[in-house]
Amino acid sequence: MNQQTVIFLGPQGSGKGTQLELLKQHLNKSDPDRKVVHFDMGAAFRGFRDTEGYSQAIVKDSLARGEIQPDFLATALFGNFLIENLKGNEHLLLDGFPRTLAQVEEYNSAIKFYNRGTSTVLHLNLSEAASIERLMKRGRHDDTEELIRHRLAWYQEQVIPALNYFRANPLYRVMEVNSDQPIETVHQDIVHMVG
């Protein structure tokens, strides 16, 4: 199996984290000699928030309000992750980065620097109604309907233009995934698409 670089995109509630973990397990079994590393933007921000410092305190307050974090900080966390984790021959799975056109520019420079070749973008489609329903069941403090709708609007405004960029660029393979199916069915679709 060739080295894989896979970006998971989709609205909140579409199951990106679950599907990334299932693909990671699949790759570990089917290609045991190659390490799988994965970057989770949400986890990176939460880890950053939980350390001490001025910037961290700003992020802590911002996350508590359910706000979207700035591109410069997302890019810095992603860059640090690559520097610390890439050794040259691993599969790379990404959840939550790149999501904006500004982040895509930085992603392109990183992928070129590391000579990663073509990236696969898995777009997990989910209707707004299904997304709201799933997130409301999750019951987190920032999962009020108002905040969910705000984040879904941001997704349409910021992530869809990045997705359209990927579709128009030959360095990306964009695959549409129907995530309004059982988890195992979505996983099998993804395994088939990734190859």
C-alpha atoms as a PDB file:
ATOM      1  CA  MET A   1       0.000   0.000   0.000  1.00  0.00           C
ATOM      2  CA  ASN A   2       1.220   3.486  -0.829  1.00  0.00           C
ATOM      3  CA  GLN A   3       1.679   6.189   1.787  1.00  0.00           C
ATOM      4  CA  GLN A   4      -1.702   7.837   2.443  1.00  0.00           C
ATOM      5  CA  THR A   5      -2.499  11.454   3.333  1.00  0.00           C
ATOM      6  CA  VAL A   6      -6.202  11.718   4.181  1.00  0.00           C
ATOM      7  CA  ILE A   7      -8.148  14.829   5.209  1.00  0.00           C
ATOM      8  CA  PHE A   8     -11.522  14.339   6.902  1.00  0.00           C
ATOM      9  CA  LEU A   9     -13.964  17.189   6.288  1.00  0.00           C
ATOM     10  CA  GLY A  10     -17.610  17.420   7.269  1.00  0.00           C
ATOM     11  CA  PRO A  11     -19.975  19.385   9.467  1.00  0.00           C
ATOM     12  CA  GLN A  12     -20.023  18.780  13.199  1.00  0.00           C
ATOM     13  CA  GLY A  13     -21.777  15.532  14.000  1.00  0.00           C
ATOM     14  CA  SER A  14     -20.790  13.859  10.718  1.00  0.00           C
ATOM     15  CA  GLY A  15     -18.582  11.331  12.509  1.00  0.00           C
ATOM     16  CA  LYS A  16     -15.144  12.497  11.372  1.00  0.00           C
ATOM     17  CA  GLY A  17     -13.377  11.445  14.572  1.00  0.00           C
ATOM     18  CA  THR A  18     -15.055   8.033  14.647  1.00  0.00           C
ATOM     19  CA  GLN A  19     -14.312   7.351  10.984  1.00  0.00           C
ATOM     20  CA  LEU A  20     -10.726   8.541  11.302  1.00  0.00           C
ATOM     21  CA  GLU A  21     -10.171   6.127  14.193  1.00  0.00           C
ATOM     22  CA  LEU A  22     -11.707   3.234  12.204  1.00  0.00           C
ATOM     23  CA  LEU A  23      -9.534   4.034   9.182  1.00  0.00           C
ATOM     24  CA  LYS A  24      -6.491   4.233  11.448  1.00  0.00           C
ATOM     25  CA  GLN A  25      -7.258   0.737  12.781  1.00  0.00           C
ATOM     26  CA  HIS A  26      -7.751  -0.546   9.218  1.00  0.00           C
ATOM     27  CA  LEU A  27      -4.426   0.908   8.060  1.00  0.00           C
ATOM     28  CA  ASN A  28      -2.609  -0.520  11.093  1.00  0.00           C
ATOM     29  CA  LYS A  29      -3.923  -4.006  10.176  1.00  0.00           C
ATOM     30  CA  SER A  30      -3.511  -3.820   6.399  1.00  0.00           C
ATOM     31  CA  ASP A  31      -0.117  -2.036   6.421  1.00  0.00           C
ATOM     32  CA  PRO A  32       1.477  -3.010   9.763  1.00  0.00           C
ATOM     33  CA  ASP A  33       4.994  -1.938   8.762  1.00  0.00           C
ATOM     34  CA  ARG A  34       3.962   1.702   8.285  1.00  0.00           C
ATOM     35  CA  LYS A  35       3.080   3.948  11.223  1.00  0.00           C
ATOM     36  CA  VAL A  36      -0.200   5.880  11.176  1.00  0.00           C
ATOM     37  CA  VAL A  37      -0.133   9.384  12.662  1.00  0.00           C
ATOM     38  CA  HIS A  38      -3.177  11.574  13.008  1.00  0.00           C
ATOM     39  CA  PHE A  39      -3.790  15.222  13.770  1.00  0.00           C
ATOM     40  CA  ASP A  40      -7.021  16.308  15.468  1.00  0.00           C
ATOM     41  CA  MET A  41      -7.410  20.083  15.440  1.00  0.00           C
ATOM     42  CA  GLY A  42      -9.981  20.073  18.246  1.00  0.00           C
ATOM     43  CA  ALA A  43      -7.755  17.954  20.478  1.00  0.00           C
ATOM     44  CA  ALA A  44      -4.769  20.174  19.631  1.00  0.00           C
ATOM     45  CA  PHE A  45      -6.675  23.291  20.742  1.00  0.00           C
ATOM     46  CA  ARG A  46      -7.898  21.594  23.916  1.00  0.00           C
ATOM     47  CA  GLY A  47      -4.356  20.458  24.742  1.00  0.00           C
ATOM     48  CA  PHE A  48      -3.045  23.972  24.105  1.00  0.00           C
ATOM     49  CA  ARG A  49      -5.839  25.452  26.266  1.00  0.00           C
ATOM     50  CA  ASP A  50      -4.880  23.205  29.172  1.00  0.00           C
ATOM     51  CA  THR A  51      -1.307  24.509  29.411  1.00  0.00           C
ATOM     52  CA  GLU A  52      -0.228  27.737  31.111  1.00  0.00           C
ATOM     53  CA  GLY A  53       0.309  31.026  29.298  1.00  0.00           C
ATOM     54  CA  TYR A  54      -1.196  34.238  28.006  1.00  0.00           C
ATOM     55  CA  SER A  55      -2.209  32.841  24.609  1.00  0.00           C
ATOM     56  CA  GLN A  56      -3.598  29.716  26.259  1.00  0.00           C
ATOM     57  CA  ALA A  57      -5.787  31.804  28.582  1.00  0.00           C
ATOM     58  CA  ILE A  58      -7.250  33.648  25.565  1.00  0.00           C
ATOM     59  CA  VAL A  59      -7.986  30.329  23.850  1.00  0.00           C
ATOM     60  CA  LYS A  60      -9.551  28.946  27.031  1.00  0.00           C
ATOM     61  CA  ASP A  61     -12.014  31.850  27.238  1.00  0.00           C
ATOM     62  CA  SER A  62     -12.710  31.708  23.504  1.00  0.00           C
ATOM     63  CA  LEU A  63     -13.382  27.958  23.497  1.00  0.00           C
ATOM     64  CA  ALA A  64     -15.687  28.343  26.497  1.00  0.00           C
ATOM     65  CA  ARG A  65     -17.780  30.727  24.383  1.00  0.00           C
ATOM     66  CA  GLY A  66     -17.848  28.214  21.516  1.00  0.00           C
ATOM     67  CA  GLU A  67     -15.877  30.486  19.189  1.00  0.00           C
ATOM     68  CA  ILE A  68     -13.871  29.444  16.148  1.00  0.00           C
ATOM     69  CA  GLN A  69     -10.117  29.792  16.690  1.00  0.00           C
ATOM     70  CA  PRO A  70      -7.886  31.946  14.414  1.00  0.00           C
ATOM     71  CA  ASP A  71      -6.110  30.543  11.362  1.00  0.00           C
ATOM     72  CA  PHE A  72      -2.645  31.583  12.558  1.00  0.00           C
ATOM     73  CA  LEU A  73      -2.975  29.507  15.708  1.00  0.00           C
ATOM     74  CA  ALA A  74      -4.424  26.491  13.885  1.00  0.00           C
ATOM     75  CA  THR A  75      -1.530  26.627  11.427  1.00  0.00           C
ATOM     76  CA  ALA A  76       1.053  26.910  14.217  1.00  0.00           C
ATOM     77  CA  LEU A  77      -0.358  23.871  16.037  1.00  0.00           C
ATOM     78  CA  PHE A  78      -0.460  21.868  12.787  1.00  0.00           C
ATOM     79  CA  GLY A  79       3.113  22.854  11.890  1.00  0.00           C
ATOM     80  CA  ASN A  80       4.401  21.865  15.317  1.00  0.00           C
ATOM     81  CA  PHE A  81       2.618  18.515  15.019  1.00  0.00           C
ATOM     82  CA  LEU A  82       4.288  17.765  11.664  1.00  0.00           C
ATOM     83  CA  ILE A  83       7.732  18.757  12.934  1.00  0.00           C
ATOM     84  CA  GLU A  84       7.379  16.511  15.993  1.00  0.00           C
ATOM     85  CA  ASN A  85       5.677  13.498  14.377  1.00  0.00           C
ATOM     86  CA  LEU A  86       6.657  13.021  10.726  1.00  0.00           C
ATOM     87  CA  LYS A  87       9.617  10.736  10.069  1.00  0.00           C
ATOM     88  CA  GLY A  88       9.049  10.286   6.327  1.00  0.00           C
ATOM     89  CA  ASN A  89       7.101   7.122   5.629  1.00  0.00           C
ATOM     90  CA  GLU A  90       3.886   7.182   7.658  1.00  0.00           C
ATOM     91  CA  HIS A  91       0.226   7.450   6.785  1.00  0.00           C
ATOM     92  CA  LEU A  92      -1.111  10.871   7.820  1.00  0.00           C
ATOM     93  CA  LEU A  93      -4.775  11.323   8.822  1.00  0.00           C
ATOM     94  CA  LEU A  94      -6.151  14.809   9.487  1.00  0.00           C
ATOM     95  CA  ASP A  95      -9.329  15.884  11.291  1.00  0.00           C
ATOM     96  CA  GLY A  96     -10.171  19.590  11.352  1.00  0.00           C
ATOM     97  CA  PHE A  97      -7.263  20.904   9.278  1.00  0.00           C
ATOM     98  CA  PRO A  98      -7.144  22.506   6.776  1.00  0.00           C
ATOM     99  CA  ARG A  99     -10.646  23.997   6.914  1.00  0.00           C
ATOM    100  CA  THR A 100     -10.264  27.508   5.486  1.00  0.00           C
ATOM    101  CA  LEU A 101      -8.605  28.861   2.357  1.00  0.00           C
ATOM    102  CA  ALA A 102      -5.920  30.513   4.518  1.00  0.00           C
ATOM    103  CA  GLN A 103      -5.166  27.170   6.150  1.00  0.00           C
ATOM    104  CA  VAL A 104      -5.121  25.439   2.753  1.00  0.00           C
ATOM    105  CA  GLU A 105      -2.255  27.708   1.637  1.00  0.00           C
ATOM    106  CA  GLU A 106      -0.200  26.686   4.657  1.00  0.00           C
ATOM    107  CA  TYR A 107      -1.168  23.036   4.217  1.00  0.00           C
ATOM    108  CA  ASN A 108       0.000  23.120   0.588  1.00  0.00           C
ATOM    109  CA  SER A 109       3.403  24.476   1.605  1.00  0.00           C
ATOM    110  CA  ALA A 110       3.776  21.798   4.297  1.00  0.00           C
ATOM    111  CA  ILE A 111       2.775  18.932   1.992  1.00  0.00           C
ATOM    112  CA  LYS A 112       5.192  20.186  -0.654  1.00  0.00           C
ATOM    113  CA  PHE A 113       7.975  20.502   1.936  1.00  0.00           C
ATOM    114  CA  TYR A 114       7.409  16.917   3.104  1.00  0.00           C
ATOM    115  CA  ASN A 115       6.902  15.640  -0.465  1.00  0.00           C
ATOM    116  CA  ARG A 116       3.583  13.956   0.442  1.00  0.00           C
ATOM    117  CA  GLY A 117       2.086  13.969  -3.063  1.00  0.00           C
ATOM    118  CA  THR A 118      -1.671  13.729  -3.607  1.00  0.00           C
ATOM    119  CA  SER A 119      -3.999  14.129  -0.625  1.00  0.00           C
ATOM    120  CA  THR A 120      -7.356  12.361  -0.368  1.00  0.00           C
ATOM    121  CA  VAL A 121     -10.193  14.514   0.983  1.00  0.00           C
ATOM    122  CA  LEU A 122     -13.095  12.570   2.484  1.00  0.00           C
ATOM    123  CA  HIS A 123     -16.114  14.876   2.610  1.00  0.00           C
ATOM    124  CA  LEU A 124     -18.574  13.398   5.101  1.00  0.00           C
ATOM    125  CA  ASN A 125     -21.949  14.744   4.002  1.00  0.00           C
ATOM    126  CA  LEU A 126     -24.648  15.208   6.622  1.00  0.00           C
ATOM    127  CA  SER A 127     -27.780  17.353   6.500  1.00  0.00           C
ATOM    128  CA  GLU A 128     -28.055  20.319   8.855  1.00  0.00           C
ATOM    129  CA  ALA A 129     -31.067  18.727  10.576  1.00  0.00           C
ATOM    130  CA  ALA A 130     -29.192  15.459  11.190  1.00  0.00           C
ATOM    131  CA  SER A 131     -26.148  17.357  12.431  1.00  0.00           C
ATOM    132  CA  ILE A 132     -28.214  19.351  14.929  1.00  0.00           C
ATOM    133  CA  GLU A 133     -29.999  16.211  16.113  1.00  0.00           C
ATOM    134  CA  ARG A 134     -26.733  14.297  16.676  1.00  0.00           C
ATOM    135  CA  LEU A 135     -25.056  17.187  18.484  1.00  0.00           C
ATOM    136  CA  MET A 136     -28.021  17.902  20.735  1.00  0.00           C
ATOM    137  CA  LYS A 137     -27.969  14.229  21.830  1.00  0.00           C
ATOM    138  CA  ARG A 138     -24.273  14.561  22.665  1.00  0.00           C
ATOM    139  CA  GLY A 139     -25.199  16.974  25.438  1.00  0.00           C
ATOM    140  CA  ARG A 140     -22.022  19.050  25.702  1.00  0.00           C
ATOM    141  CA  HIS A 141     -22.309  22.509  27.292  1.00  0.00           C
ATOM    142  CA  ASP A 142     -21.532  24.264  23.988  1.00  0.00           C
ATOM    143  CA  ASP A 143     -24.050  22.162  22.046  1.00  0.00           C
ATOM    144  CA  THR A 144     -26.989  24.537  22.289  1.00  0.00           C
ATOM    145  CA  GLU A 145     -29.025  24.802  19.108  1.00  0.00           C
ATOM    146  CA  GLU A 146     -27.956  28.443  18.675  1.00  0.00           C
ATOM    147  CA  LEU A 147     -24.246  27.647  18.909  1.00  0.00           C
ATOM    148  CA  ILE A 148     -24.616  24.579  16.689  1.00  0.00           C
ATOM    149  CA  ARG A 149     -26.357  26.664  14.013  1.00  0.00           C
ATOM    150  CA  HIS A 150     -23.612  29.295  14.321  1.00  0.00           C
ATOM    151  CA  ARG A 151     -20.890  26.642  13.776  1.00  0.00           C
ATOM    152  CA  LEU A 152     -22.783  25.109  10.846  1.00  0.00           C
ATOM    153  CA  ALA A 153     -23.100  28.560   9.244  1.00  0.00           C
ATOM    154  CA  TRP A 154     -19.348  29.031   9.694  1.00  0.00           C
ATOM    155  CA  TYR A 155     -18.818  25.649   8.016  1.00  0.00           C
ATOM    156  CA  GLN A 156     -20.794  26.794   4.975  1.00  0.00           C
ATOM    157  CA  GLU A 157     -18.977  30.143   4.811  1.00  0.00           C
ATOM    158  CA  GLN A 158     -15.414  28.917   5.410  1.00  0.00           C
ATOM    159  CA  VAL A 159     -15.058  25.180   4.801  1.00  0.00           C
ATOM    160  CA  ILE A 160     -17.141  24.809   1.640  1.00  0.00           C
ATOM    161  CA  PRO A 161     -14.880  27.286  -0.268  1.00  0.00           C
ATOM    162  CA  ALA A 162     -11.853  25.230   0.835  1.00  0.00           C
ATOM    163  CA  LEU A 163     -13.621  22.065  -0.316  1.00  0.00           C
ATOM    164  CA  ASN A 164     -14.335  23.667  -3.696  1.00  0.00           C
ATOM    165  CA  TYR A 165     -10.641  24.556  -3.966  1.00  0.00           C
ATOM    166  CA  PHE A 166      -9.749  20.901  -3.343  1.00  0.00           C
ATOM    167  CA  ARG A 167     -12.210  19.785  -6.016  1.00  0.00           C
ATOM    168  CA  ALA A 168     -10.562  22.076  -8.587  1.00  0.00           C
ATOM    169  CA  ASN A 169      -6.963  21.148  -7.715  1.00  0.00           C
ATOM    170  CA  PRO A 170      -5.325  18.037  -9.244  1.00  0.00           C
ATOM    171  CA  LEU A 171      -3.207  17.519  -6.099  1.00  0.00           C
ATOM    172  CA  TYR A 172      -6.359  16.443  -4.249  1.00  0.00           C
ATOM    173  CA  ARG A 173      -8.733  13.496  -4.656  1.00  0.00           C
ATOM    174  CA  VAL A 174     -12.124  14.485  -3.224  1.00  0.00           C
ATOM    175  CA  MET A 175     -14.467  11.648  -2.246  1.00  0.00           C
ATOM    176  CA  GLU A 176     -18.064  12.268  -1.186  1.00  0.00           C
ATOM    177  CA  VAL A 177     -19.178  10.088   1.734  1.00  0.00           C
ATOM    178  CA  ASN A 178     -22.792   9.751   2.864  1.00  0.00           C
ATOM    179  CA  SER A 179     -22.367   9.893   6.651  1.00  0.00           C
ATOM    180  CA  ASP A 180     -26.098   9.584   7.301  1.00  0.00           C
ATOM    181  CA  GLN A 181     -25.670   5.777   7.315  1.00  0.00           C
ATOM    182  CA  PRO A 182     -24.667   3.262  10.004  1.00  0.00           C
ATOM    183  CA  ILE A 183     -21.083   3.745  11.230  1.00  0.00           C
ATOM    184  CA  GLU A 184     -19.826   0.446   9.786  1.00  0.00           C
ATOM    185  CA  THR A 185     -21.375   1.189   6.364  1.00  0.00           C
ATOM    186  CA  VAL A 186     -19.634   4.579   6.269  1.00  0.00           C
ATOM    187  CA  HIS A 187     -16.365   2.906   7.271  1.00  0.00           C
ATOM    188  CA  GLN A 188     -16.647   0.305   4.479  1.00  0.00           C
ATOM    189  CA  ASP A 189     -17.355   3.100   1.970  1.00  0.00           C
ATOM    190  CA  ILE A 190     -14.228   4.922   3.157  1.00  0.00           C
ATOM    191  CA  VAL A 191     -12.017   1.807   2.990  1.00  0.00           C
ATOM    192  CA  HIS A 192     -13.212   1.225  -0.568  1.00  0.00           C
ATOM    193  CA  MET A 193     -12.515   4.858  -1.529  1.00  0.00           C
ATOM    194  CA  VAL A 194      -9.062   5.056   0.047  1.00  0.00           C
ATOM    195  CA  GLY A 195      -8.050   1.754  -1.550  1.00  0.00           C
END
